[in-house]
Amino acid sequence: QEQMVESGGGLVQPGGSLRLSCAGSGFRFDDYSIGWFRQAPGKTREAVVCISSDDRLAYYGDAVKDRFSIWVDAAKNSLGLHMKDLKADDTTVYYCAADQSCRILASEPTFWGQGTQVTVSA
């Protein structure tokens, strides 16, 4: 059984910071490209960040680059997302995910979690 579980979402003020976490089970993060995407109700998925299984580099979406950063704890099979300078447009549901390729992770990932809600509001 493969599973990913997100946590850490909540309400933050514009310009604030938040840290999300993701715990994986049933598969090894080291075998996949892993990262985060976000999706608001009724909208398409948007890539946030993905660590490629090929070069182990992190690739960030244009909307979050220089503000978000990903971390990975391979020993615990977990990953997280540090978000700073949050904007109202960052409000949505955030999902951790895993796939063979970063090109697919934000659209048709192999594994993903239930999501955690992030709301940025004054």
PDB file of N, CA and C in Angstrom:
ATOM      1  N   GLN A   1       0.833  -1.179   0.000  1.00  0.00           N
ATOM      2  CA  GLN A   1       0.000   0.000   0.000  1.00  0.00           C
ATOM      3  C   GLN A   1       0.883   1.249   0.000  1.00  0.00           C
ATOM      4  N   GLU A   2       0.707   2.070  -1.012  1.00  0.00           N
ATOM      5  CA  GLU A   2       1.458   3.314  -1.133  1.00  0.00           C
ATOM      6  C   GLU A   2       0.594   4.479  -0.653  1.00  0.00           C
ATOM      7  N   GLN A   3       1.187   5.336   0.165  1.00  0.00           N
ATOM      8  CA  GLN A   3       0.425   6.423   0.747  1.00  0.00           C
ATOM      9  C   GLN A   3       1.315   7.627   0.997  1.00  0.00           C
ATOM     10  N   MET A   4       0.743   8.815   0.811  1.00  0.00           N
ATOM     11  CA  MET A   4       1.402  10.065   1.144  1.00  0.00           C
ATOM     12  C   MET A   4       0.407  10.912   1.932  1.00  0.00           C
ATOM     13  N   VAL A   5       0.869  11.506   3.020  1.00  0.00           N
ATOM     14  CA  VAL A   5       0.004  12.269   3.902  1.00  0.00           C
ATOM     15  C   VAL A   5       0.624  13.631   4.170  1.00  0.00           C
ATOM     16  N   GLU A   6      -0.104  14.686   3.808  1.00  0.00           N
ATOM     17  CA  GLU A   6       0.362  16.050   4.019  1.00  0.00           C
ATOM     18  C   GLU A   6      -0.122  16.585   5.368  1.00  0.00           C
ATOM     19  N   SER A   7       0.605  17.552   5.891  1.00  0.00           N
ATOM     20  CA  SER A   7       0.204  18.234   7.111  1.00  0.00           C
ATOM     21  C   SER A   7       0.860  19.607   7.147  1.00  0.00           C
ATOM     22  N   GLY A   8       0.368  20.469   8.024  1.00  0.00           N
ATOM     23  CA  GLY A   8       0.980  21.769   8.236  1.00  0.00           C
ATOM     24  C   GLY A   8       0.246  22.948   7.647  1.00  0.00           C
ATOM     25  N   GLY A   9      -0.808  22.705   6.905  1.00  0.00           N
ATOM     26  CA  GLY A   9      -1.559  23.801   6.325  1.00  0.00           C
ATOM     27  C   GLY A   9      -2.290  24.602   7.382  1.00  0.00           C
ATOM     28  N   GLY A  10      -2.726  25.788   6.988  1.00  0.00           N
ATOM     29  CA  GLY A  10      -3.442  26.639   7.912  1.00  0.00           C
ATOM     30  C   GLY A  10      -3.623  28.031   7.363  1.00  0.00           C
ATOM     31  N   LEU A  11      -3.976  28.941   8.245  1.00  0.00           N
ATOM     32  CA  LEU A  11      -4.222  30.339   7.899  1.00  0.00           C
ATOM     33  C   LEU A  11      -3.009  31.182   8.258  1.00  0.00           C
ATOM     34  N   VAL A  12      -2.528  31.959   7.298  1.00  0.00           N
ATOM     35  CA  VAL A  12      -1.395  32.860   7.520  1.00  0.00           C
ATOM     36  C   VAL A  12      -1.692  34.212   6.894  1.00  0.00           C
ATOM     37  N   GLN A  13      -1.031  35.243   7.399  1.00  0.00           N
ATOM     38  CA  GLN A  13      -1.186  36.584   6.858  1.00  0.00           C
ATOM     39  C   GLN A  13      -0.301  36.785   5.637  1.00  0.00           C
ATOM     40  N   PRO A  14      -0.685  37.674   4.733  1.00  0.00           N
ATOM     41  CA  PRO A  14       0.196  37.984   3.604  1.00  0.00           C
ATOM     42  C   PRO A  14       1.581  38.390   4.088  1.00  0.00           C
ATOM     43  N   GLY A  15       2.598  37.869   3.419  1.00  0.00           N
ATOM     44  CA  GLY A  15       3.969  38.120   3.824  1.00  0.00           C
ATOM     45  C   GLY A  15       4.494  37.165   4.869  1.00  0.00           C
ATOM     46  N   GLY A  16       3.633  36.314   5.387  1.00  0.00           N
ATOM     47  CA  GLY A  16       4.026  35.363   6.402  1.00  0.00           C
ATOM     48  C   GLY A  16       4.667  34.120   5.830  1.00  0.00           C
ATOM     49  N   SER A  17       4.985  33.190   6.717  1.00  0.00           N
ATOM     50  CA  SER A  17       5.651  31.950   6.344  1.00  0.00           C
ATOM     51  C   SER A  17       4.890  30.751   6.883  1.00  0.00           C
ATOM     52  N   LEU A  18       5.091  29.621   6.231  1.00  0.00           N
ATOM     53  CA  LEU A  18       4.440  28.387   6.635  1.00  0.00           C
ATOM     54  C   LEU A  18       5.276  27.209   6.161  1.00  0.00           C
ATOM     55  N   ARG A  19       5.269  26.141   6.936  1.00  0.00           N
ATOM     56  CA  ARG A  19       5.993  24.931   6.574  1.00  0.00           C
ATOM     57  C   ARG A  19       5.033  23.756   6.472  1.00  0.00           C
ATOM     58  N   LEU A  20       5.057  23.089   5.339  1.00  0.00           N
ATOM     59  CA  LEU A  20       4.260  21.898   5.114  1.00  0.00           C
ATOM     60  C   LEU A  20       5.140  20.659   5.202  1.00  0.00           C
ATOM     61  N   SER A  21       4.534  19.545   5.600  1.00  0.00           N
ATOM     62  CA  SER A  21       5.251  18.283   5.693  1.00  0.00           C
ATOM     63  C   SER A  21       4.480  17.196   4.964  1.00  0.00           C
ATOM     64  N   CYS A  22       5.205  16.165   4.546  1.00  0.00           N
ATOM     65  CA  CYS A  22       4.609  15.041   3.845  1.00  0.00           C
ATOM     66  C   CYS A  22       5.309  13.766   4.269  1.00  0.00           C
ATOM     67  N   ALA A  23       4.531  12.799   4.720  1.00  0.00           N
ATOM     68  CA  ALA A  23       5.059  11.503   5.120  1.00  0.00           C
ATOM     69  C   ALA A  23       4.641  10.438   4.116  1.00  0.00           C
ATOM     70  N   GLY A  24       5.601   9.693   3.621  1.00  0.00           N
ATOM     71  CA  GLY A  24       5.324   8.639   2.661  1.00  0.00           C
ATOM     72  C   GLY A  24       5.464   7.263   3.286  1.00  0.00           C
ATOM     73  N   SER A  25       4.707   6.312   2.752  1.00  0.00           N
ATOM     74  CA  SER A  25       4.787   4.934   3.206  1.00  0.00           C
ATOM     75  C   SER A  25       4.460   4.001   2.048  1.00  0.00           C
ATOM     76  N   GLY A  26       5.005   2.798   2.093  1.00  0.00           N
ATOM     77  CA  GLY A  26       4.739   1.811   1.060  1.00  0.00           C
ATOM     78  C   GLY A  26       5.620   1.917  -0.159  1.00  0.00           C
ATOM     79  N   PHE A  27       6.440   2.943  -0.248  1.00  0.00           N
ATOM     80  CA  PHE A  27       7.384   3.106  -1.354  1.00  0.00           C
ATOM     81  C   PHE A  27       8.510   4.006  -0.894  1.00  0.00           C
ATOM     82  N   ARG A  28       9.607   3.966  -1.618  1.00  0.00           N
ATOM     83  CA  ARG A  28      10.784   4.744  -1.251  1.00  0.00           C
ATOM     84  C   ARG A  28      10.853   6.019  -2.075  1.00  0.00           C
ATOM     85  N   PHE A  29      10.989   7.145  -1.402  1.00  0.00           N
ATOM     86  CA  PHE A  29      11.119   8.423  -2.095  1.00  0.00           C
ATOM     87  C   PHE A  29      12.311   8.446  -3.039  1.00  0.00           C
ATOM     88  N   ASP A  30      13.365   7.728  -2.679  1.00  0.00           N
ATOM     89  CA  ASP A  30      14.580   7.737  -3.487  1.00  0.00           C
ATOM     90  C   ASP A  30      14.376   7.137  -4.871  1.00  0.00           C
ATOM     91  N   ASP A  31      13.300   6.386  -5.070  1.00  0.00           N
ATOM     92  CA  ASP A  31      13.039   5.738  -6.349  1.00  0.00           C
ATOM     93  C   ASP A  31      12.216   6.602  -7.299  1.00  0.00           C
ATOM     94  N   TYR A  32      11.806   7.779  -6.860  1.00  0.00           N
ATOM     95  CA  TYR A  32      10.894   8.600  -7.639  1.00  0.00           C
ATOM     96  C   TYR A  32      11.316  10.059  -7.680  1.00  0.00           C
ATOM     97  N   SER A  33      10.798  10.764  -8.663  1.00  0.00           N
ATOM     98  CA  SER A  33      10.767  12.214  -8.604  1.00  0.00           C
ATOM     99  C   SER A  33       9.668  12.599  -7.624  1.00  0.00           C
ATOM    100  N   ILE A  34       9.963  13.505  -6.711  1.00  0.00           N
ATOM    101  CA  ILE A  34       9.009  13.861  -5.667  1.00  0.00           C
ATOM    102  C   ILE A  34       8.889  15.372  -5.574  1.00  0.00           C
ATOM    103  N   GLY A  35       7.745  15.819  -5.099  1.00  0.00           N
ATOM    104  CA  GLY A  35       7.571  17.251  -4.953  1.00  0.00           C
ATOM    105  C   GLY A  35       6.161  17.618  -4.552  1.00  0.00           C
ATOM    106  N   TRP A  36       5.769  18.805  -4.963  1.00  0.00           N
ATOM    107  CA  TRP A  36       4.476  19.362  -4.576  1.00  0.00           C
ATOM    108  C   TRP A  36       3.781  19.988  -5.770  1.00  0.00           C
ATOM    109  N   PHE A  37       2.468  19.838  -5.812  1.00  0.00           N
ATOM    110  CA  PHE A  37       1.641  20.619  -6.710  1.00  0.00           C
ATOM    111  C   PHE A  37       0.491  21.208  -5.908  1.00  0.00           C
ATOM    112  N   ARG A  38      -0.204  22.157  -6.499  1.00  0.00           N
ATOM    113  CA  ARG A  38      -1.341  22.757  -5.814  1.00  0.00           C
ATOM    114  C   ARG A  38      -2.516  22.853  -6.780  1.00  0.00           C
ATOM    115  N   GLN A  39      -3.705  22.798  -6.211  1.00  0.00           N
ATOM    116  CA  GLN A  39      -4.905  22.809  -7.033  1.00  0.00           C
ATOM    117  C   GLN A  39      -6.072  23.379  -6.248  1.00  0.00           C
ATOM    118  N   ALA A  40      -6.651  24.428  -6.778  1.00  0.00           N
ATOM    119  CA  ALA A  40      -7.844  25.009  -6.194  1.00  0.00           C
ATOM    120  C   ALA A  40      -9.071  24.327  -6.782  1.00  0.00           C
ATOM    121  N   PRO A  41     -10.176  24.322  -6.052  1.00  0.00           N
ATOM    122  CA  PRO A  41     -11.393  23.695  -6.575  1.00  0.00           C
ATOM    123  C   PRO A  41     -11.791  24.270  -7.927  1.00  0.00           C
ATOM    124  N   GLY A  42     -12.057  23.389  -8.889  1.00  0.00           N
ATOM    125  CA  GLY A  42     -12.476  23.807 -10.205  1.00  0.00           C
ATOM    126  C   GLY A  42     -11.369  24.289 -11.120  1.00  0.00           C
ATOM    127  N   LYS A  43     -10.122  24.221 -10.682  1.00  0.00           N
ATOM    128  CA  LYS A  43      -9.002  24.674 -11.489  1.00  0.00           C
ATOM    129  C   LYS A  43      -8.025  23.536 -11.742  1.00  0.00           C
ATOM    130  N   THR A  44      -7.155  23.741 -12.713  1.00  0.00           N
ATOM    131  CA  THR A  44      -6.167  22.727 -13.054  1.00  0.00           C
ATOM    132  C   THR A  44      -5.031  22.722 -12.046  1.00  0.00           C
ATOM    133  N   ARG A  45      -4.303  21.637 -12.044  1.00  0.00           N
ATOM    134  CA  ARG A  45      -3.161  21.516 -11.160  1.00  0.00           C
ATOM    135  C   ARG A  45      -2.019  22.423 -11.604  1.00  0.00           C
ATOM    136  N   GLU A  46      -1.300  22.967 -10.629  1.00  0.00           N
ATOM    137  CA  GLU A  46      -0.184  23.855 -10.881  1.00  0.00           C
ATOM    138  C   GLU A  46       1.056  23.306 -10.190  1.00  0.00           C
ATOM    139  N   ALA A  47       2.129  23.190 -10.933  1.00  0.00           N
ATOM    140  CA  ALA A  47       3.378  22.706 -10.361  1.00  0.00           C
ATOM    141  C   ALA A  47       3.929  23.708  -9.359  1.00  0.00           C
ATOM    142  N   VAL A  48       4.396  23.210  -8.228  1.00  0.00           N
ATOM    143  CA  VAL A  48       5.046  24.031  -7.217  1.00  0.00           C
ATOM    144  C   VAL A  48       6.546  23.785  -7.244  1.00  0.00           C
ATOM    145  N   VAL A  49       6.943  22.549  -7.012  1.00  0.00           N
ATOM    146  CA  VAL A  49       8.351  22.177  -7.050  1.00  0.00           C
ATOM    147  C   VAL A  49       8.462  20.674  -7.205  1.00  0.00           C
ATOM    148  N   CYS A  50       9.510  20.246  -7.880  1.00  0.00           N
ATOM    149  CA  CYS A  50       9.772  18.824  -8.057  1.00  0.00           C
ATOM    150  C   CYS A  50      11.263  18.569  -8.016  1.00  0.00           C
ATOM    151  N   ILE A  51      11.653  17.549  -7.279  1.00  0.00           N
ATOM    152  CA  ILE A  51      13.038  17.093  -7.273  1.00  0.00           C
ATOM    153  C   ILE A  51      13.144  15.926  -8.241  1.00  0.00           C
ATOM    154  N   SER A  52      13.928  16.098  -9.268  1.00  0.00           N
ATOM    155  CA  SER A  52      14.042  15.094 -10.311  1.00  0.00           C
ATOM    156  C   SER A  52      14.822  13.883  -9.827  1.00  0.00           C
ATOM    157  N   SER A  53      14.343  12.695 -10.187  1.00  0.00           N
ATOM    158  CA  SER A  53      15.058  11.469  -9.867  1.00  0.00           C
ATOM    159  C   SER A  53      16.290  11.299 -10.734  1.00  0.00           C
ATOM    160  N   ASP A  54      16.383  12.059 -11.825  1.00  0.00           N
ATOM    161  CA  ASP A  54      17.509  11.957 -12.744  1.00  0.00           C
ATOM    162  C   ASP A  54      18.720  12.732 -12.247  1.00  0.00           C
ATOM    163  N   ASP A  55      18.535  14.015 -11.945  1.00  0.00           N
ATOM    164  CA  ASP A  55      19.660  14.849 -11.538  1.00  0.00           C
ATOM    165  C   ASP A  55      19.597  15.302 -10.089  1.00  0.00           C
ATOM    166  N   ARG A  56      18.520  14.970  -9.386  1.00  0.00           N
ATOM    167  CA  ARG A  56      18.320  15.304  -7.970  1.00  0.00           C
ATOM    168  C   ARG A  56      18.285  16.807  -7.720  1.00  0.00           C
ATOM    169  N   LEU A  57      17.990  17.566  -8.744  1.00  0.00           N
ATOM    170  CA  LEU A  57      17.847  19.006  -8.619  1.00  0.00           C
ATOM    171  C   LEU A  57      16.383  19.373  -8.430  1.00  0.00           C
ATOM    172  N   ALA A  58      16.151  20.479  -7.751  1.00  0.00           N
ATOM    173  CA  ALA A  58      14.807  20.970  -7.515  1.00  0.00           C
ATOM    174  C   ALA A  58      14.409  21.961  -8.598  1.00  0.00           C
ATOM    175  N   TYR A  59      13.235  21.750  -9.171  1.00  0.00           N
ATOM    176  CA  TYR A  59      12.710  22.627 -10.211  1.00  0.00           C
ATOM    177  C   TYR A  59      11.442  23.289  -9.693  1.00  0.00           C
ATOM    178  N   TYR A  60      11.461  24.609  -9.630  1.00  0.00           N
ATOM    179  CA  TYR A  60      10.371  25.376  -9.050  1.00  0.00           C
ATOM    180  C   TYR A  60       9.517  26.024 -10.114  1.00  0.00           C
ATOM    181  N   GLY A  61       8.228  26.107  -9.817  1.00  0.00           N
ATOM    182  CA  GLY A  61       7.335  26.846 -10.684  1.00  0.00           C
ATOM    183  C   GLY A  61       7.628  28.336 -10.616  1.00  0.00           C
ATOM    184  N   ASP A  62       7.358  29.033 -11.714  1.00  0.00           N
ATOM    185  CA  ASP A  62       7.678  30.455 -11.792  1.00  0.00           C
ATOM    186  C   ASP A  62       6.982  31.275 -10.709  1.00  0.00           C
ATOM    187  N   ALA A  63       5.786  30.873 -10.323  1.00  0.00           N
ATOM    188  CA  ALA A  63       5.017  31.638  -9.358  1.00  0.00           C
ATOM    189  C   ALA A  63       5.575  31.559  -7.944  1.00  0.00           C
ATOM    190  N   VAL A  64       6.415  30.567  -7.664  1.00  0.00           N
ATOM    191  CA  VAL A  64       6.884  30.362  -6.298  1.00  0.00           C
ATOM    192  C   VAL A  64       8.394  30.421  -6.163  1.00  0.00           C
ATOM    193  N   LYS A  65       9.110  30.505  -7.266  1.00  0.00           N
ATOM    194  CA  LYS A  65      10.563  30.516  -7.193  1.00  0.00           C
ATOM    195  C   LYS A  65      11.046  31.705  -6.361  1.00  0.00           C
ATOM    196  N   ASP A  66      12.098  31.482  -5.594  1.00  0.00           N
ATOM    197  CA  ASP A  66      12.707  32.460  -4.691  1.00  0.00           C
ATOM    198  C   ASP A  66      11.868  32.721  -3.446  1.00  0.00           C
ATOM    199  N   ARG A  67      10.725  32.053  -3.328  1.00  0.00           N
ATOM    200  CA  ARG A  67       9.899  32.178  -2.129  1.00  0.00           C
ATOM    201  C   ARG A  67       9.689  30.851  -1.424  1.00  0.00           C
ATOM    202  N   PHE A  68       9.594  29.769  -2.190  1.00  0.00           N
ATOM    203  CA  PHE A  68       9.380  28.442  -1.622  1.00  0.00           C
ATOM    204  C   PHE A  68      10.657  27.630  -1.739  1.00  0.00           C
ATOM    205  N   SER A  69      10.852  26.703  -0.809  1.00  0.00           N
ATOM    206  CA  SER A  69      11.971  25.786  -0.877  1.00  0.00           C
ATOM    207  C   SER A  69      11.553  24.418  -0.356  1.00  0.00           C
ATOM    208  N   ILE A  70      12.080  23.382  -0.977  1.00  0.00           N
ATOM    209  CA  ILE A  70      11.721  22.020  -0.623  1.00  0.00           C
ATOM    210  C   ILE A  70      12.846  21.387   0.192  1.00  0.00           C
ATOM    211  N   TRP A  71      12.474  20.533   1.120  1.00  0.00           N
ATOM    212  CA  TRP A  71      13.450  19.749   1.860  1.00  0.00           C
ATOM    213  C   TRP A  71      13.043  18.282   1.859  1.00  0.00           C
ATOM    214  N   VAL A  72      14.023  17.408   1.962  1.00  0.00           N
ATOM    215  CA  VAL A  72      13.796  15.969   1.928  1.00  0.00           C
ATOM    216  C   VAL A  72      14.588  15.306   3.048  1.00  0.00           C
ATOM    217  N   ASP A  73      13.952  14.401   3.755  1.00  0.00           N
ATOM    218  CA  ASP A  73      14.606  13.571   4.755  1.00  0.00           C
ATOM    219  C   ASP A  73      14.470  12.134   4.275  1.00  0.00           C
ATOM    220  N   ALA A  74      15.480  11.651   3.567  1.00  0.00           N
ATOM    221  CA  ALA A  74      15.411  10.323   2.969  1.00  0.00           C
ATOM    222  C   ALA A  74      15.302   9.221   4.021  1.00  0.00           C
ATOM    223  N   ALA A  75      15.971   9.399   5.153  1.00  0.00           N
ATOM    224  CA  ALA A  75      15.952   8.383   6.204  1.00  0.00           C
ATOM    225  C   ALA A  75      14.550   8.167   6.751  1.00  0.00           C
ATOM    226  N   LYS A  76      13.764   9.222   6.820  1.00  0.00           N
ATOM    227  CA  LYS A  76      12.403   9.138   7.331  1.00  0.00           C
ATOM    228  C   LYS A  76      11.358   9.055   6.230  1.00  0.00           C
ATOM    229  N   ASN A  77      11.814   9.038   4.975  1.00  0.00           N
ATOM    230  CA  ASN A  77      10.913   8.978   3.828  1.00  0.00           C
ATOM    231  C   ASN A  77       9.870  10.096   3.902  1.00  0.00           C
ATOM    232  N   SER A  78      10.361  11.302   4.139  1.00  0.00           N
ATOM    233  CA  SER A  78       9.482  12.446   4.269  1.00  0.00           C
ATOM    234  C   SER A  78      10.047  13.637   3.509  1.00  0.00           C
ATOM    235  N   LEU A  79       9.189  14.582   3.221  1.00  0.00           N
ATOM    236  CA  LEU A  79       9.607  15.813   2.578  1.00  0.00           C
ATOM    237  C   LEU A  79       8.739  16.952   3.074  1.00  0.00           C
ATOM    238  N   GLY A  80       9.182  18.165   2.795  1.00  0.00           N
ATOM    239  CA  GLY A  80       8.434  19.315   3.235  1.00  0.00           C
ATOM    240  C   GLY A  80       8.579  20.475   2.278  1.00  0.00           C
ATOM    241  N   LEU A  81       7.854  21.520   2.587  1.00  0.00           N
ATOM    242  CA  LEU A  81       7.868  22.728   1.774  1.00  0.00           C
ATOM    243  C   LEU A  81       7.876  23.927   2.704  1.00  0.00           C
ATOM    244  N   HIS A  82       8.930  24.732   2.612  1.00  0.00           N
ATOM    245  CA  HIS A  82       9.015  25.970   3.368  1.00  0.00           C
ATOM    246  C   HIS A  82       8.555  27.105   2.475  1.00  0.00           C
ATOM    247  N   MET A  83       7.513  27.784   2.884  1.00  0.00           N
ATOM    248  CA  MET A  83       6.926  28.865   2.115  1.00  0.00           C
ATOM    249  C   MET A  83       7.111  30.179   2.865  1.00  0.00           C
ATOM    250  N   LYS A  84       7.589  31.194   2.170  1.00  0.00           N
ATOM    251  CA  LYS A  84       7.742  32.519   2.755  1.00  0.00           C
ATOM    252  C   LYS A  84       7.185  33.571   1.809  1.00  0.00           C
ATOM    253  N   ASP A  85       7.028  34.777   2.335  1.00  0.00           N
ATOM    254  CA  ASP A  85       6.461  35.877   1.555  1.00  0.00           C
ATOM    255  C   ASP A  85       5.171  35.451   0.873  1.00  0.00           C
ATOM    256  N   LEU A  86       4.309  34.837   1.634  1.00  0.00           N
ATOM    257  CA  LEU A  86       3.083  34.280   1.079  1.00  0.00           C
ATOM    258  C   LEU A  86       2.146  35.374   0.582  1.00  0.00           C
ATOM    259  N   LYS A  87       1.483  35.069  -0.526  1.00  0.00           N
ATOM    260  CA  LYS A  87       0.551  35.985  -1.159  1.00  0.00           C
ATOM    261  C   LYS A  87      -0.842  35.375  -1.178  1.00  0.00           C
ATOM    262  N   ALA A  88      -1.822  36.211  -1.410  1.00  0.00           N
ATOM    263  CA  ALA A  88      -3.196  35.732  -1.478  1.00  0.00           C
ATOM    264  C   ALA A  88      -3.366  34.698  -2.585  1.00  0.00           C
ATOM    265  N   ASP A  89      -2.615  34.848  -3.671  1.00  0.00           N
ATOM    266  CA  ASP A  89      -2.702  33.907  -4.781  1.00  0.00           C
ATOM    267  C   ASP A  89      -2.151  32.531  -4.438  1.00  0.00           C
ATOM    268  N   ASP A  90      -1.453  32.416  -3.317  1.00  0.00           N
ATOM    269  CA  ASP A  90      -0.952  31.120  -2.873  1.00  0.00           C
ATOM    270  C   ASP A  90      -2.024  30.301  -2.174  1.00  0.00           C
ATOM    271  N   THR A  91      -3.180  30.875  -1.966  1.00  0.00           N
ATOM    272  CA  THR A  91      -4.275  30.197  -1.287  1.00  0.00           C
ATOM    273  C   THR A  91      -4.831  29.080  -2.164  1.00  0.00           C
ATOM    274  N   THR A  92      -4.712  27.870  -1.679  1.00  0.00           N
ATOM    275  CA  THR A  92      -5.221  26.699  -2.395  1.00  0.00           C
ATOM    276  C   THR A  92      -4.878  25.460  -1.584  1.00  0.00           C
ATOM    277  N   VAL A  93      -5.154  24.303  -2.157  1.00  0.00           N
ATOM    278  CA  VAL A  93      -4.815  23.034  -1.521  1.00  0.00           C
ATOM    279  C   VAL A  93      -3.485  22.555  -2.074  1.00  0.00           C
ATOM    280  N   TYR A  94      -2.587  22.176  -1.184  1.00  0.00           N
ATOM    281  CA  TYR A  94      -1.260  21.727  -1.565  1.00  0.00           C
ATOM    282  C   TYR A  94      -1.146  20.219  -1.389  1.00  0.00           C
ATOM    283  N   TYR A  95      -0.576  19.563  -2.396  1.00  0.00           N
ATOM    284  CA  TYR A  95      -0.440  18.118  -2.405  1.00  0.00           C
ATOM    285  C   TYR A  95       1.020  17.726  -2.593  1.00  0.00           C
ATOM    286  N   CYS A  96       1.491  16.764  -1.826  1.00  0.00           N
ATOM    287  CA  CYS A  96       2.765  16.143  -2.141  1.00  0.00           C
ATOM    288  C   CYS A  96       2.509  14.993  -3.103  1.00  0.00           C
ATOM    289  N   ALA A  97       3.518  14.687  -3.926  1.00  0.00           N
ATOM    290  CA  ALA A  97       3.312  13.705  -4.979  1.00  0.00           C
ATOM    291  C   ALA A  97       4.623  13.060  -5.378  1.00  0.00           C
ATOM    292  N   ALA A  98       4.505  11.916  -6.043  1.00  0.00           N
ATOM    293  CA  ALA A  98       5.662  11.186  -6.545  1.00  0.00           C
ATOM    294  C   ALA A  98       5.346  10.614  -7.906  1.00  0.00           C
ATOM    295  N   ASP A  99       6.336  10.625  -8.783  1.00  0.00           N
ATOM    296  CA  ASP A  99       6.162  10.061 -10.112  1.00  0.00           C
ATOM    297  C   ASP A  99       7.519   9.739 -10.707  1.00  0.00           C
ATOM    298  N   GLN A 100       7.496   9.057 -11.827  1.00  0.00           N
ATOM    299  CA  GLN A 100       8.728   8.692 -12.511  1.00  0.00           C
ATOM    300  C   GLN A 100       9.445   9.914 -13.061  1.00  0.00           C
ATOM    301  N   SER A 101       8.683  10.940 -13.418  1.00  0.00           N
ATOM    302  CA  SER A 101       9.259  12.116 -14.051  1.00  0.00           C
ATOM    303  C   SER A 101       8.642  13.386 -13.498  1.00  0.00           C
ATOM    304  N   CYS A 102       9.437  14.443 -13.377  1.00  0.00           N
ATOM    305  CA  CYS A 102       8.924  15.735 -12.950  1.00  0.00           C
ATOM    306  C   CYS A 102       7.969  16.332 -13.978  1.00  0.00           C
ATOM    307  N   ARG A 103       8.056  15.895 -15.214  1.00  0.00           N
ATOM    308  CA  ARG A 103       7.155  16.396 -16.245  1.00  0.00           C
ATOM    309  C   ARG A 103       5.719  15.929 -16.023  1.00  0.00           C
ATOM    310  N   ILE A 104       5.541  14.847 -15.302  1.00  0.00           N
ATOM    311  CA  ILE A 104       4.227  14.264 -15.079  1.00  0.00           C
ATOM    312  C   ILE A 104       3.709  14.539 -13.678  1.00  0.00           C
ATOM    313  N   LEU A 105       4.585  14.847 -12.753  1.00  0.00           N
ATOM    314  CA  LEU A 105       4.230  14.933 -11.342  1.00  0.00           C
ATOM    315  C   LEU A 105       3.064  15.887 -11.078  1.00  0.00           C
ATOM    316  N   ALA A 106       3.027  17.010 -11.765  1.00  0.00           N
ATOM    317  CA  ALA A 106       1.996  18.011 -11.519  1.00  0.00           C
ATOM    318  C   ALA A 106       0.708  17.756 -12.292  1.00  0.00           C
ATOM    319  N   SER A 107       0.680  16.748 -13.137  1.00  0.00           N
ATOM    320  CA  SER A 107      -0.506  16.465 -13.936  1.00  0.00           C
ATOM    321  C   SER A 107      -1.094  15.085 -13.667  1.00  0.00           C
ATOM    322  N   GLU A 108      -0.279  14.049 -13.770  1.00  0.00           N
ATOM    323  CA  GLU A 108      -0.734  12.679 -13.551  1.00  0.00           C
ATOM    324  C   GLU A 108       0.267  11.930 -12.669  1.00  0.00           C
ATOM    325  N   PRO A 109       0.399  12.319 -11.425  1.00  0.00           N
ATOM    326  CA  PRO A 109       1.368  11.662 -10.542  1.00  0.00           C
ATOM    327  C   PRO A 109       0.968  10.240 -10.205  1.00  0.00           C
ATOM    328  N   THR A 110       1.951   9.409  -9.928  1.00  0.00           N
ATOM    329  CA  THR A 110       1.697   8.036  -9.533  1.00  0.00           C
ATOM    330  C   THR A 110       1.079   7.972  -8.144  1.00  0.00           C
ATOM    331  N   PHE A 111       1.649   8.725  -7.226  1.00  0.00           N
ATOM    332  CA  PHE A 111       1.148   8.775  -5.854  1.00  0.00           C
ATOM    333  C   PHE A 111       0.978  10.225  -5.436  1.00  0.00           C
ATOM    334  N   TRP A 112      -0.046  10.490  -4.650  1.00  0.00           N
ATOM    335  CA  TRP A 112      -0.242  11.807  -4.072  1.00  0.00           C
ATOM    336  C   TRP A 112      -1.118  11.697  -2.844  1.00  0.00           C
ATOM    337  N   GLY A 113      -1.090  12.740  -2.031  1.00  0.00           N
ATOM    338  CA  GLY A 113      -1.817  12.713  -0.780  1.00  0.00           C
ATOM    339  C   GLY A 113      -3.197  13.312  -0.879  1.00  0.00           C
ATOM    340  N   GLN A 114      -3.808  13.488   0.272  1.00  0.00           N
ATOM    341  CA  GLN A 114      -5.157  14.040   0.344  1.00  0.00           C
ATOM    342  C   GLN A 114      -5.165  15.563   0.277  1.00  0.00           C
ATOM    343  N   GLY A 115      -4.011  16.175   0.448  1.00  0.00           N
ATOM    344  CA  GLY A 115      -3.884  17.610   0.376  1.00  0.00           C
ATOM    345  C   GLY A 115      -4.028  18.288   1.724  1.00  0.00           C
ATOM    346  N   THR A 116      -3.438  19.477   1.820  1.00  0.00           N
ATOM    347  CA  THR A 116      -3.570  20.304   3.012  1.00  0.00           C
ATOM    348  C   THR A 116      -3.869  21.737   2.584  1.00  0.00           C
ATOM    349  N   GLN A 117      -4.843  22.343   3.216  1.00  0.00           N
ATOM    350  CA  GLN A 117      -5.321  23.661   2.826  1.00  0.00           C
ATOM    351  C   GLN A 117      -4.413  24.758   3.357  1.00  0.00           C
ATOM    352  N   VAL A 118      -4.038  25.677   2.478  1.00  0.00           N
ATOM    353  CA  VAL A 118      -3.291  26.873   2.853  1.00  0.00           C
ATOM    354  C   VAL A 118      -4.126  28.089   2.479  1.00  0.00           C
ATOM    355  N   THR A 119      -4.377  28.940   3.445  1.00  0.00           N
ATOM    356  CA  THR A 119      -5.156  30.149   3.216  1.00  0.00           C
ATOM    357  C   THR A 119      -4.333  31.359   3.636  1.00  0.00           C
ATOM    358  N   VAL A 120      -4.130  32.285   2.704  1.00  0.00           N
ATOM    359  CA  VAL A 120      -3.368  33.504   2.964  1.00  0.00           C
ATOM    360  C   VAL A 120      -4.346  34.673   2.951  1.00  0.00           C
ATOM    361  N   SER A 121      -4.556  35.261   4.099  1.00  0.00           N
ATOM    362  CA  SER A 121      -5.533  36.331   4.223  1.00  0.00           C
ATOM    363  C   SER A 121      -5.197  37.207   5.420  1.00  0.00           C
ATOM    364  N   ALA A 122      -5.485  38.494   5.280  1.00  0.00           N
ATOM    365  CA  ALA A 122      -5.292  39.423   6.379  1.00  0.00           C
ATOM    366  C   ALA A 122      -6.429  39.357   7.376  1.00  0.00           C
TER     367      ALA A 122
END
